[in-house]
Amino acid sequence: MPEKILIVDDDLETLRLVGLMLQRQGYEIVVANSGKQALNFAKSEAPDLIVLDIMMPEMDGFQVSQFLRKDPALTGIPILMFTAKSQVDDKVAGYDAGADDYLTKPVHPAELVAHIKALLTRTRSRPAPLPAAQRGYAVGIIGCKGGMGISTLTLNLAASYAQKTKTEVIAAEMRVGQGSWGPQLGFAPSNALETILRMNPSEITPAEVEKHLVGTAFGVRLLLASDSSMNVDFAGMTDRSLALVNSVTLLGPMSFLDLGTSFLPGYEKLCNVCSELIVVTDPVPATVMRTKVLLGELRSFGYASGKMINIVLINRVRSEMQLNSIQVSDMLNGEAISMMIPSVPEQAYQADQKQSPLVKVHPDGLAAQQIGNLAELIKTHVG
C-alpha cells in the first residue's frame, strides 16, 4: 500500500506540481490549500507525512504544526516545512513549532524527494510506543527558580526510593549545561544529555538512551548533563526532550526527572508527560509568590487534571526570619505542604566529600528521614 502524503499550500500551482512529482514516485497524494483544511485532512486521511507551507492566510504553517503536535492522535506525523522563508529565525521558529525538517523553496525535485524519503524511513524505524499502562512512572521535580536544592532532592529521592522498593530506578538531569551530579558523585565529565539532545527526535529511542545511562552503587542509573551548554542547538529542543523522557519511561518502572525551573524549553509538555510533579519552594515570601504563579501555570495547561502535585518546602538556611509551613500554605491559597526538609549543611558537605547521596551517608538524619517519607508517599501513588 503506497504511503500517503498530505501537501499543504495556498498556491494551487505548487500543489499541482509537487503532487504530480510525488505521484510519479509512487506516493498517494492528498492536497489542502489552507491551514484549517490541512487539520481536517490530517484527522480524516491519516497521512504518513505532511509537506507544509508556512505563508498561508488565516492560519499559517507554524500554527498548523503547533495544533498537530498538541493532538495526541496526530502528534506522531512527521512534518516537512517547505517554504520560501529562508531566514535563520524562520527555521528556528519552524523547528520550535514541531517541524521534523525544513526545506527552502525553490529546490530541485530530487532534493525534495530525498528529504521526504529520509523522513519516512526514520518514521518507519521508530519503535511502536507501548500502551500507557506499560510505561514506567515518572516523577518530575521543578521549581520557580534555581538555587533551592532541586537537583540534590531529585538525586536523593531517587536513591531513597530505590533503597526502599528495590525497584529499578532511573534519574535524569534534564537541564542542559547545568549538570551537578557527575562532579558530586565523582564521575568523569559527561555530556550524555547534550549528546542525546543533538539527535533528531526520531533517533532518540530507548536503546539509544540506554547507551548513555551510568550505574551507581546506590541502585540508580543516571543520565548526566554537562556543565556546558556549548554546541547544543536549542531550536526544536522541546521535541527532542519529549522523545528523551518518553524513552526513559520505557526503560524502567520508575524515573525521577530533574526539570529545574519553568525556564526549561517546553517545560509544560515535559510536565504533562510526568505521572506526578514535585514543586519545590523555600520559606521566603518572594519565592512563595513565584511558586504560586508556577502552580497557576501548571493548572492553566491542565496538568492537575487527575495528576498529583506535591509541594515540598526546603529550608536552605537556618533562620528565624523565614516563613513557617502554615504561612507558606496560606500564601499559596491553602495548598497543602506535602513535606518539609530541614537545612543540614554539615551533612550535605560530608556527603559531597564522600561522593555519595546524603540519604546514604546520613540515613538516620532528619533530612534523610523526610526524603524517605516523601519516597514512601510516592510509593503509595504508584500503587
Protein backbone atom coordinates (compact mmCIF):
# COMPACT_ATOMS: atom_id res chain seq x y z
CA MET A 1 0.00 0.00 0.00
CA PRO A 2 1.55 3.37 -1.02
CA GLU A 3 2.46 5.86 1.68
CA LYS A 4 0.15 8.86 1.88
CA ILE A 5 1.48 12.42 1.81
CA LEU A 6 -0.59 15.50 2.64
CA ILE A 7 0.63 18.61 0.79
CA VAL A 8 -0.46 21.93 2.27
CA ASP A 9 -0.02 25.16 0.28
CA ASP A 10 -2.28 28.06 -0.69
CA ASP A 11 -0.58 28.24 -4.10
CA LEU A 12 -2.51 25.93 -6.43
CA GLU A 13 0.37 25.65 -8.90
CA THR A 14 2.67 24.40 -6.15
CA LEU A 15 0.06 21.84 -5.11
CA ARG A 16 -0.25 20.63 -8.69
CA LEU A 17 3.49 20.39 -9.44
CA VAL A 18 4.57 18.85 -6.13
CA GLY A 19 1.60 16.49 -6.13
CA LEU A 20 2.32 15.29 -9.65
CA MET A 21 6.00 14.78 -8.89
CA LEU A 22 5.28 12.71 -5.75
CA GLN A 23 2.60 10.68 -7.50
CA ARG A 24 5.22 9.69 -10.07
CA GLN A 25 7.35 8.46 -7.14
CA GLY A 26 4.51 6.12 -6.15
CA TYR A 27 3.04 8.09 -3.23
CA GLU A 28 -0.65 8.65 -2.61
CA ILE A 29 -1.36 12.37 -2.52
CA VAL A 30 -3.85 14.47 -0.56
CA VAL A 31 -3.81 18.27 -1.00
CA ALA A 32 -5.05 21.12 1.16
CA ASN A 33 -4.96 24.83 0.33
CA SER A 34 -5.46 26.21 3.87
CA GLY A 35 -4.41 25.51 7.43
CA LYS A 36 -7.90 24.58 8.58
CA GLN A 37 -8.35 22.20 5.67
CA ALA A 38 -4.97 20.66 6.48
CA LEU A 39 -6.03 19.88 10.06
CA ASN A 40 -9.28 18.33 8.86
CA PHE A 41 -7.46 16.13 6.33
CA ALA A 42 -4.80 15.18 8.88
CA LYS A 43 -7.58 13.72 11.02
CA SER A 44 -9.65 12.12 8.26
CA GLU A 45 -6.88 10.87 5.94
CA ALA A 46 -4.19 9.84 8.46
CA PRO A 47 -1.25 10.77 6.21
CA ASP A 48 2.20 9.26 6.70
CA LEU A 49 3.84 12.66 6.21
CA ILE A 50 2.84 16.31 5.79
CA VAL A 51 4.59 18.76 3.45
CA LEU A 52 3.62 22.12 4.93
CA ASP A 53 3.93 25.67 3.60
CA ILE A 54 4.28 28.49 6.13
CA MET A 55 2.84 31.59 4.45
CA MET A 56 -0.89 30.99 4.30
CA PRO A 57 -3.82 33.28 5.23
CA GLU A 58 -5.85 32.85 8.45
CA MET A 59 -3.71 30.02 9.82
CA ASP A 60 -0.03 29.84 8.89
CA GLY A 61 2.19 26.77 8.86
CA PHE A 62 3.63 27.44 12.31
CA GLN A 63 0.13 27.38 13.79
CA VAL A 64 -0.81 24.24 11.87
CA SER A 65 2.29 22.46 13.16
CA GLN A 66 1.57 23.53 16.74
CA PHE A 67 -2.01 22.23 16.51
CA LEU A 68 -0.77 18.91 15.14
CA ARG A 69 1.77 18.49 17.93
CA LYS A 70 -0.85 19.18 20.61
CA ASP A 71 -3.22 16.48 19.31
CA PRO A 72 -2.25 13.04 20.69
CA ALA A 73 -3.74 11.35 17.61
CA LEU A 74 -1.69 13.47 15.19
CA THR A 75 1.48 14.34 17.04
CA GLY A 76 3.47 11.46 15.53
CA ILE A 77 3.01 12.54 11.90
CA PRO A 78 6.34 13.82 10.52
CA ILE A 79 6.22 17.39 9.19
CA LEU A 80 8.43 18.78 6.42
CA MET A 81 8.12 22.55 6.24
CA PHE A 82 8.53 23.55 2.58
CA THR A 83 8.59 27.32 2.25
CA ALA A 84 10.16 30.40 0.69
CA LYS A 85 11.02 31.75 4.16
CA SER A 86 14.77 31.23 4.35
CA GLN A 87 15.94 33.27 7.33
CA VAL A 88 17.55 31.52 10.29
CA ASP A 89 14.85 32.88 12.61
CA ASP A 90 12.19 31.31 10.37
CA LYS A 91 13.90 27.93 10.54
CA VAL A 92 14.25 28.15 14.31
CA ALA A 93 10.55 29.04 14.58
CA GLY A 94 9.69 26.09 12.35
CA TYR A 95 11.56 23.59 14.47
CA ASP A 96 10.16 25.13 17.66
CA ALA A 97 6.65 24.72 16.21
CA GLY A 98 7.29 20.99 15.80
CA ALA A 99 8.70 20.53 12.29
CA ASP A 100 10.93 17.49 11.76
CA ASP A 101 12.64 19.00 8.71
CA TYR A 102 12.81 22.37 6.95
CA LEU A 103 13.40 22.92 3.23
CA THR A 104 13.51 26.25 1.40
CA LYS A 105 11.89 26.94 -1.98
CA PRO A 106 12.93 26.79 -4.76
CA VAL A 107 14.51 23.37 -4.59
CA HIS A 108 15.45 20.67 -7.05
CA PRO A 109 12.74 17.97 -7.14
CA ALA A 110 15.30 15.27 -6.35
CA GLU A 111 16.25 17.07 -3.11
CA LEU A 112 12.61 17.33 -2.02
CA VAL A 113 12.08 13.63 -2.70
CA ALA A 114 15.29 12.77 -0.80
CA HIS A 115 14.12 14.68 2.27
CA ILE A 116 10.70 13.01 2.14
CA LYS A 117 12.21 9.54 1.82
CA ALA A 118 14.59 10.19 4.73
CA LEU A 119 11.76 11.36 6.98
CA LEU A 120 9.58 8.39 6.11
CA THR A 121 12.47 5.99 6.69
CA ARG A 122 13.16 7.44 10.14
CA THR A 123 9.46 7.22 10.99
CA ARG A 124 9.24 3.58 9.94
CA SER A 125 12.25 2.76 12.12
CA ARG A 126 10.69 4.18 15.29
CA PRO A 127 9.72 1.54 17.84
CA ALA A 128 5.99 1.26 18.37
CA PRO A 129 5.10 3.02 21.64
CA LEU A 130 3.95 0.82 24.45
CA PRO A 131 0.48 1.38 25.91
CA ALA A 132 0.48 3.92 28.72
CA ALA A 133 -0.22 1.16 31.24
CA GLN A 134 3.13 -0.45 30.38
CA ARG A 135 5.16 2.73 30.70
CA GLY A 136 7.09 3.47 33.84
CA TYR A 137 6.04 6.01 36.45
CA ALA A 138 7.76 9.38 36.04
CA VAL A 139 8.16 11.98 38.78
CA GLY A 140 9.19 15.46 37.68
CA ILE A 141 10.85 17.82 40.15
CA ILE A 142 10.57 21.54 39.33
CA GLY A 143 10.74 24.96 40.96
CA CYS A 144 10.16 28.60 40.13
CA LYS A 145 13.88 29.42 40.33
CA GLY A 146 17.27 27.83 40.78
CA GLY A 147 19.32 27.54 43.95
CA MET A 148 16.69 25.73 46.02
CA GLY A 149 18.23 22.26 46.04
CA ILE A 150 16.09 20.74 43.27
CA SER A 151 18.94 18.65 41.84
CA THR A 152 20.00 17.44 45.29
CA LEU A 153 16.43 16.48 46.16
CA THR A 154 15.97 14.60 42.86
CA LEU A 155 19.13 12.56 43.34
CA ASN A 156 18.44 11.72 46.98
CA LEU A 157 14.79 10.95 46.37
CA ALA A 158 15.74 8.52 43.60
CA ALA A 159 18.30 6.84 45.87
CA SER A 160 15.83 6.60 48.75
CA TYR A 161 13.07 5.18 46.53
CA ALA A 162 15.44 2.58 45.08
CA GLN A 163 16.53 1.50 48.54
CA LYS A 164 13.01 1.27 49.93
CA THR A 165 11.39 -0.52 46.98
CA LYS A 166 14.29 -2.49 45.47
CA THR A 167 12.89 -1.23 42.17
CA GLU A 168 14.94 -0.30 39.13
CA VAL A 169 15.19 3.48 39.17
CA ILE A 170 16.45 5.98 36.59
CA ALA A 171 17.24 9.61 37.43
CA ALA A 172 17.83 12.13 34.65
CA GLU A 173 19.29 15.62 34.70
CA MET A 174 17.17 17.46 32.12
CA ARG A 175 18.90 20.86 32.39
CA VAL A 176 21.35 21.45 29.56
CA GLY A 177 24.71 22.78 30.72
CA GLN A 178 23.77 22.66 34.40
CA GLY A 179 24.89 19.18 35.38
CA SER A 180 25.91 18.73 39.01
CA TRP A 181 25.54 15.02 39.77
CA GLY A 182 28.66 13.93 37.88
CA PRO A 183 31.15 16.06 39.86
CA GLN A 184 29.21 15.47 43.07
CA LEU A 185 29.44 11.68 42.72
CA GLY A 186 32.97 11.54 41.31
CA PHE A 187 32.12 10.55 37.74
CA ALA A 188 34.28 11.59 34.82
CA PRO A 189 32.87 14.61 32.94
CA SER A 190 29.79 13.57 30.96
CA ASN A 191 27.74 15.25 28.25
CA ALA A 192 25.24 12.42 27.83
CA LEU A 193 22.20 14.71 27.95
CA GLU A 194 23.66 17.15 25.43
CA THR A 195 24.69 14.34 23.09
CA ILE A 196 21.15 12.97 23.03
CA LEU A 197 19.62 16.41 22.55
CA ARG A 198 21.71 16.93 19.41
CA MET A 199 19.94 13.99 17.75
CA ASN A 200 16.79 14.12 15.67
CA PRO A 201 13.71 13.18 17.73
CA SER A 202 13.23 10.02 15.65
CA GLU A 203 16.74 8.88 16.61
CA ILE A 204 16.12 9.19 20.34
CA THR A 205 14.97 5.67 21.18
CA PRO A 206 15.06 3.64 24.41
CA ALA A 207 18.01 1.66 23.04
CA GLU A 208 19.92 4.86 22.30
CA VAL A 209 19.19 6.39 25.70
CA GLU A 210 20.21 3.13 27.39
CA LYS A 211 23.74 3.57 25.99
CA HIS A 212 24.17 6.83 27.91
CA LEU A 213 23.00 5.70 31.37
CA VAL A 214 25.59 5.10 34.08
CA GLY A 215 25.18 2.76 37.03
CA THR A 216 25.77 3.63 40.68
CA ALA A 217 26.42 1.81 43.92
CA PHE A 218 23.08 3.01 45.33
CA GLY A 219 20.84 1.31 42.78
CA VAL A 220 20.02 4.23 40.49
CA ARG A 221 21.02 4.59 36.85
CA LEU A 222 21.80 8.17 35.92
CA LEU A 223 21.58 10.30 32.82
CA LEU A 224 24.16 13.01 33.40
CA ALA A 225 24.30 16.52 31.96
CA SER A 226 27.39 18.54 31.21
CA ASP A 227 28.26 21.80 32.92
CA SER A 228 28.47 23.48 29.50
CA SER A 229 25.69 24.26 27.03
CA MET A 230 28.01 24.94 24.10
CA ASN A 231 27.27 23.19 20.79
CA VAL A 232 23.66 22.48 21.74
CA ASP A 233 21.01 23.64 19.25
CA PHE A 234 18.10 24.89 21.31
CA ALA A 235 15.84 25.04 18.22
CA GLY A 236 13.46 22.12 18.42
CA MET A 237 14.76 21.15 21.85
CA THR A 238 11.23 20.57 23.13
CA ASP A 239 10.56 17.66 20.77
CA ARG A 240 13.96 16.11 21.48
CA SER A 241 13.40 16.43 25.25
CA LEU A 242 9.98 14.82 24.92
CA ALA A 243 11.44 11.94 22.92
CA LEU A 244 14.08 11.52 25.63
CA VAL A 245 11.58 11.46 28.50
CA ASN A 246 9.30 9.05 26.64
CA SER A 247 12.29 6.75 26.07
CA VAL A 248 13.27 6.90 29.74
CA THR A 249 9.77 5.84 30.79
CA LEU A 250 10.10 2.76 28.58
CA LEU A 251 13.40 1.71 30.17
CA GLY A 252 12.25 1.11 33.72
CA PRO A 253 9.32 1.17 36.13
CA MET A 254 10.34 4.39 37.91
CA SER A 255 12.15 7.54 36.84
CA PHE A 256 12.89 10.87 38.54
CA LEU A 257 13.43 13.90 36.30
CA ASP A 258 15.35 16.98 37.40
CA LEU A 259 13.39 19.55 35.37
CA GLY A 260 14.94 22.52 37.14
CA THR A 261 12.80 25.58 36.52
CA SER A 262 9.95 26.69 34.31
CA PHE A 263 12.54 28.35 32.07
CA LEU A 264 13.34 24.93 30.60
CA PRO A 265 12.18 24.96 26.93
CA GLY A 266 8.87 23.14 26.61
CA TYR A 267 8.60 22.56 30.36
CA GLU A 268 4.81 22.42 30.20
CA LYS A 269 4.94 19.50 27.75
CA LEU A 270 7.55 17.69 29.83
CA CYS A 271 5.40 18.16 32.93
CA ASN A 272 2.42 16.64 31.16
CA VAL A 273 4.44 13.51 30.41
CA CYS A 274 5.14 13.08 34.14
CA SER A 275 2.89 10.90 36.25
CA GLU A 276 3.19 13.36 39.11
CA LEU A 277 5.11 16.51 39.99
CA ILE A 278 7.05 17.77 42.97
CA VAL A 279 7.08 21.56 43.14
CA VAL A 280 9.92 22.81 45.33
CA THR A 281 9.80 26.10 47.18
CA ASP A 282 11.59 27.74 50.08
CA PRO A 283 10.21 29.76 53.03
CA VAL A 284 10.92 33.19 51.55
CA PRO A 285 7.96 35.43 50.60
CA ALA A 286 9.24 36.31 47.12
CA THR A 287 9.86 32.65 46.29
CA VAL A 288 6.48 31.58 47.58
CA MET A 289 4.75 34.18 45.42
CA ARG A 290 6.65 32.98 42.35
CA THR A 291 5.73 29.42 43.28
CA LYS A 292 2.09 30.49 43.35
CA VAL A 293 2.47 31.74 39.77
CA LEU A 294 4.09 28.45 38.73
CA LEU A 295 1.24 26.42 40.24
CA GLY A 296 -1.22 28.60 38.36
CA GLU A 297 0.64 27.97 35.11
CA LEU A 298 0.63 24.21 35.69
CA ARG A 299 -3.10 24.22 36.18
CA SER A 300 -3.69 26.57 33.24
CA PHE A 301 -2.42 23.97 30.80
CA GLY A 302 -4.38 21.23 32.50
CA TYR A 303 -1.65 19.39 34.37
CA ALA A 304 -3.63 18.96 37.58
CA SER A 305 -6.40 17.00 35.87
CA GLY A 306 -6.11 13.59 37.52
CA LYS A 307 -2.44 14.00 38.43
CA MET A 308 -0.71 14.67 41.72
CA ILE A 309 1.22 17.84 42.59
CA ASN A 310 3.28 17.67 45.79
CA ILE A 311 4.64 20.88 47.28
CA VAL A 312 7.92 20.38 49.11
CA LEU A 313 9.31 23.10 51.35
CA ILE A 314 13.11 23.05 51.61
CA ASN A 315 14.74 25.06 54.38
CA ARG A 316 18.06 26.07 52.89
CA VAL A 317 19.14 28.45 55.64
CA ARG A 318 18.73 28.29 59.41
CA SER A 319 16.91 31.48 60.24
CA GLU A 320 14.09 32.65 62.45
CA MET A 321 13.21 35.19 59.76
CA GLN A 322 11.74 32.59 57.42
CA LEU A 323 8.10 31.63 56.97
CA ASN A 324 6.70 28.50 58.57
CA SER A 325 4.71 25.89 56.68
CA ILE A 326 1.33 27.31 57.73
CA GLN A 327 2.28 30.75 56.44
CA VAL A 328 3.55 29.27 53.17
CA SER A 329 0.33 27.30 52.75
CA ASP A 330 -1.75 30.43 53.39
CA MET A 331 0.21 32.36 50.75
CA LEU A 332 -0.46 29.53 48.31
CA ASN A 333 -4.23 29.82 48.83
CA GLY A 334 -4.39 26.86 51.18
CA GLU A 335 -2.26 24.47 49.12
CA ALA A 336 -1.05 21.68 51.41
CA ILE A 337 2.68 21.25 52.02
CA SER A 338 3.46 17.58 51.37
CA MET A 339 6.85 17.57 53.04
CA MET A 340 9.32 19.85 54.84
CA ILE A 341 13.04 19.16 54.52
CA PRO A 342 15.37 20.88 57.01
CA SER A 343 18.69 22.57 56.41
CA VAL A 344 21.63 20.20 57.07
CA PRO A 345 24.70 21.96 55.61
CA GLU A 346 27.25 19.90 57.56
CA GLN A 347 25.70 16.61 56.46
CA ALA A 348 25.43 17.82 52.87
CA TYR A 349 29.10 18.79 52.90
CA GLN A 350 30.11 15.37 54.25
CA ALA A 351 28.03 13.65 51.58
CA ASP A 352 29.82 15.66 48.89
CA GLN A 353 33.18 14.75 50.41
CA LYS A 354 32.26 11.07 50.25
CA GLN A 355 30.79 11.47 46.73
CA SER A 356 27.55 9.82 47.75
CA PRO A 357 23.93 10.90 48.25
CA LEU A 358 23.10 12.36 51.64
CA VAL A 359 20.50 9.65 52.31
CA LYS A 360 23.28 7.04 52.09
CA VAL A 361 25.85 8.91 54.18
CA HIS A 362 23.42 10.05 56.92
CA PRO A 363 20.46 7.65 56.68
CA ASP A 364 19.29 8.45 60.20
CA GLY A 365 19.43 12.22 59.81
CA LEU A 366 16.23 14.26 59.78
CA ALA A 367 16.68 15.35 56.16
CA ALA A 368 17.17 11.73 55.02
CA GLN A 369 14.13 10.64 57.01
CA GLN A 370 11.96 13.33 55.42
CA ILE A 371 13.18 12.43 51.94
CA GLY A 372 12.42 8.81 52.79
CA ASN A 373 8.91 9.79 53.85
CA LEU A 374 8.47 11.55 50.52
CA ALA A 375 9.62 8.38 48.74
CA GLU A 376 7.05 6.39 50.74
CA LEU A 377 4.37 8.89 49.73
CA ILE A 378 5.23 8.48 46.06
CA LYS A 379 5.21 4.71 46.52
CA THR A 380 1.56 4.88 47.61
CA HIS A 381 0.70 6.83 44.45
CA VAL A 382 2.37 4.28 42.18
CA GLY A 383 0.20 1.52 43.56
